[in-house]
Amino acid sequence: MKYLYIVEYWVPFPQSEYGGVINVIAENDSEAFELLDAEEGFHSGYTDMIMPNVMKAQKLPLAEDYDSAIIDAFTT
């Protein structure tokens, strides 16, 4: 089973201005972390803050099997 993770952006103000939200499809917290950590478009200096935000993210079970991926990101 896979989940839609709604993750708050982990880079604090003022580097990310006001924050953001990233939607990820993953099987578990570890896979969500790996996808987010590997994304080159995100600030690389805050890797240690990704997992806590993944763990507190809203997780919605998906009825169908989708490919694991970052499906949308809005960050400032």
C-alpha atoms as a PDB file:
ATOM      1  CA  MET A   1       0.000   0.000   0.000  1.00  0.00           C
ATOM      2  CA  LYS A   2       1.211   3.491  -0.794  1.00  0.00           C
ATOM      3  CA  TYR A   3       0.379   6.822   0.789  1.00  0.00           C
ATOM      4  CA  LEU A   4       0.121  10.425  -0.247  1.00  0.00           C
ATOM      5  CA  TYR A   5       2.322  12.415   2.125  1.00  0.00           C
ATOM      6  CA  ILE A   6       1.569  16.112   2.552  1.00  0.00           C
ATOM      7  CA  VAL A   7       4.885  17.380   3.896  1.00  0.00           C
ATOM      8  CA  GLU A   8       5.576  20.887   5.162  1.00  0.00           C
ATOM      9  CA  TYR A   9       8.794  22.307   3.720  1.00  0.00           C
ATOM     10  CA  TRP A  10      11.563  21.950   6.309  1.00  0.00           C
ATOM     11  CA  VAL A  11      13.787  24.932   5.495  1.00  0.00           C
ATOM     12  CA  PRO A  12      13.194  27.673   8.083  1.00  0.00           C
ATOM     13  CA  PHE A  13      12.557  31.373   7.503  1.00  0.00           C
ATOM     14  CA  PRO A  14      14.299  33.432   6.079  1.00  0.00           C
ATOM     15  CA  GLN A  15      15.996  30.942   3.723  1.00  0.00           C
ATOM     16  CA  SER A  16      12.636  29.692   2.422  1.00  0.00           C
ATOM     17  CA  GLU A  17      10.815  32.969   3.096  1.00  0.00           C
ATOM     18  CA  TYR A  18       7.475  31.558   4.258  1.00  0.00           C
ATOM     19  CA  GLY A  19       7.674  27.788   3.747  1.00  0.00           C
ATOM     20  CA  GLY A  20       5.816  25.460   1.446  1.00  0.00           C
ATOM     21  CA  VAL A  21       4.153  22.100   0.948  1.00  0.00           C
ATOM     22  CA  ILE A  22       5.425  19.051  -0.911  1.00  0.00           C
ATOM     23  CA  ASN A  23       3.192  16.141  -1.969  1.00  0.00           C
ATOM     24  CA  VAL A  24       4.927  12.767  -2.185  1.00  0.00           C
ATOM     25  CA  ILE A  25       3.692   9.274  -2.993  1.00  0.00           C
ATOM     26  CA  ALA A  26       5.636   6.664  -1.031  1.00  0.00           C
ATOM     27  CA  GLU A  27       5.269   3.285   0.656  1.00  0.00           C
ATOM     28  CA  ASN A  28       6.621   4.430   4.013  1.00  0.00           C
ATOM     29  CA  ASP A  29       8.445   7.234   5.830  1.00  0.00           C
ATOM     30  CA  SER A  30      11.872   5.973   4.734  1.00  0.00           C
ATOM     31  CA  GLU A  31      10.981   5.986   1.061  1.00  0.00           C
ATOM     32  CA  ALA A  32       9.422   9.457   1.357  1.00  0.00           C
ATOM     33  CA  PHE A  33      12.638  10.699   3.004  1.00  0.00           C
ATOM     34  CA  GLU A  34      14.802   9.185   0.256  1.00  0.00           C
ATOM     35  CA  LEU A  35      12.737  10.837  -2.483  1.00  0.00           C
ATOM     36  CA  LEU A  36      12.864  14.230  -0.777  1.00  0.00           C
ATOM     37  CA  ASP A  37      16.557  13.996   0.078  1.00  0.00           C
ATOM     38  CA  ALA A  38      17.460  13.096  -3.522  1.00  0.00           C
ATOM     39  CA  GLU A  39      15.599  16.052  -5.042  1.00  0.00           C
ATOM     40  CA  GLU A  40      18.178  18.563  -6.257  1.00  0.00           C
ATOM     41  CA  GLY A  41      15.789  21.519  -6.252  1.00  0.00           C
ATOM     42  CA  PHE A  42      15.527  21.648  -2.450  1.00  0.00           C
ATOM     43  CA  HIS A  43      18.012  23.379  -0.131  1.00  0.00           C
ATOM     44  CA  SER A  44      20.645  20.767   0.758  1.00  0.00           C
ATOM     45  CA  GLY A  45      21.750  22.282   4.080  1.00  0.00           C
ATOM     46  CA  TYR A  46      18.721  21.059   6.039  1.00  0.00           C
ATOM     47  CA  THR A  47      18.692  17.313   5.354  1.00  0.00           C
ATOM     48  CA  ASP A  48      18.450  16.537   9.076  1.00  0.00           C
ATOM     49  CA  MET A  49      15.090  18.353   9.192  1.00  0.00           C
ATOM     50  CA  ILE A  50      13.405  16.294   6.447  1.00  0.00           C
ATOM     51  CA  MET A  51      12.576  13.128   8.429  1.00  0.00           C
ATOM     52  CA  PRO A  52      10.833  14.916  11.338  1.00  0.00           C
ATOM     53  CA  ASN A  53       8.576  16.665   8.831  1.00  0.00           C
ATOM     54  CA  VAL A  54       7.911  13.394   6.996  1.00  0.00           C
ATOM     55  CA  MET A  55       6.964  11.720  10.284  1.00  0.00           C
ATOM     56  CA  LYS A  56       4.479  14.457  11.214  1.00  0.00           C
ATOM     57  CA  ALA A  57       3.091  14.790   7.661  1.00  0.00           C
ATOM     58  CA  GLN A  58      -0.516  13.965   6.927  1.00  0.00           C
ATOM     59  CA  LYS A  59      -0.576  10.508   5.281  1.00  0.00           C
ATOM     60  CA  LEU A  60      -3.510   9.500   3.117  1.00  0.00           C
ATOM     61  CA  PRO A  61      -3.826   5.862   1.951  1.00  0.00           C
ATOM     62  CA  LEU A  62      -4.146   5.446  -1.804  1.00  0.00           C
ATOM     63  CA  ALA A  63      -6.686   3.032  -3.262  1.00  0.00           C
ATOM     64  CA  GLU A  64      -4.596   2.343  -6.358  1.00  0.00           C
ATOM     65  CA  ASP A  65      -0.916   1.558  -6.838  1.00  0.00           C
ATOM     66  CA  TYR A  66       0.924   4.656  -8.084  1.00  0.00           C
ATOM     67  CA  ASP A  67       4.635   5.089  -8.751  1.00  0.00           C
ATOM     68  CA  SER A  68       6.546   6.566  -5.840  1.00  0.00           C
ATOM     69  CA  ALA A  69       7.500  10.149  -6.631  1.00  0.00           C
ATOM     70  CA  ILE A  70       7.292  13.783  -5.666  1.00  0.00           C
ATOM     71  CA  ILE A  71       4.109  14.786  -7.423  1.00  0.00           C
ATOM     72  CA  ASP A  72       3.880  18.480  -6.512  1.00  0.00           C
ATOM     73  CA  ALA A  73       5.965  21.025  -4.659  1.00  0.00           C
ATOM     74  CA  PHE A  74       5.241  24.594  -3.720  1.00  0.00           C
ATOM     75  CA  THR A  75       8.059  26.292  -1.829  1.00  0.00           C
ATOM     76  CA  THR A  76       8.960  29.928  -1.364  1.00  0.00           C
END
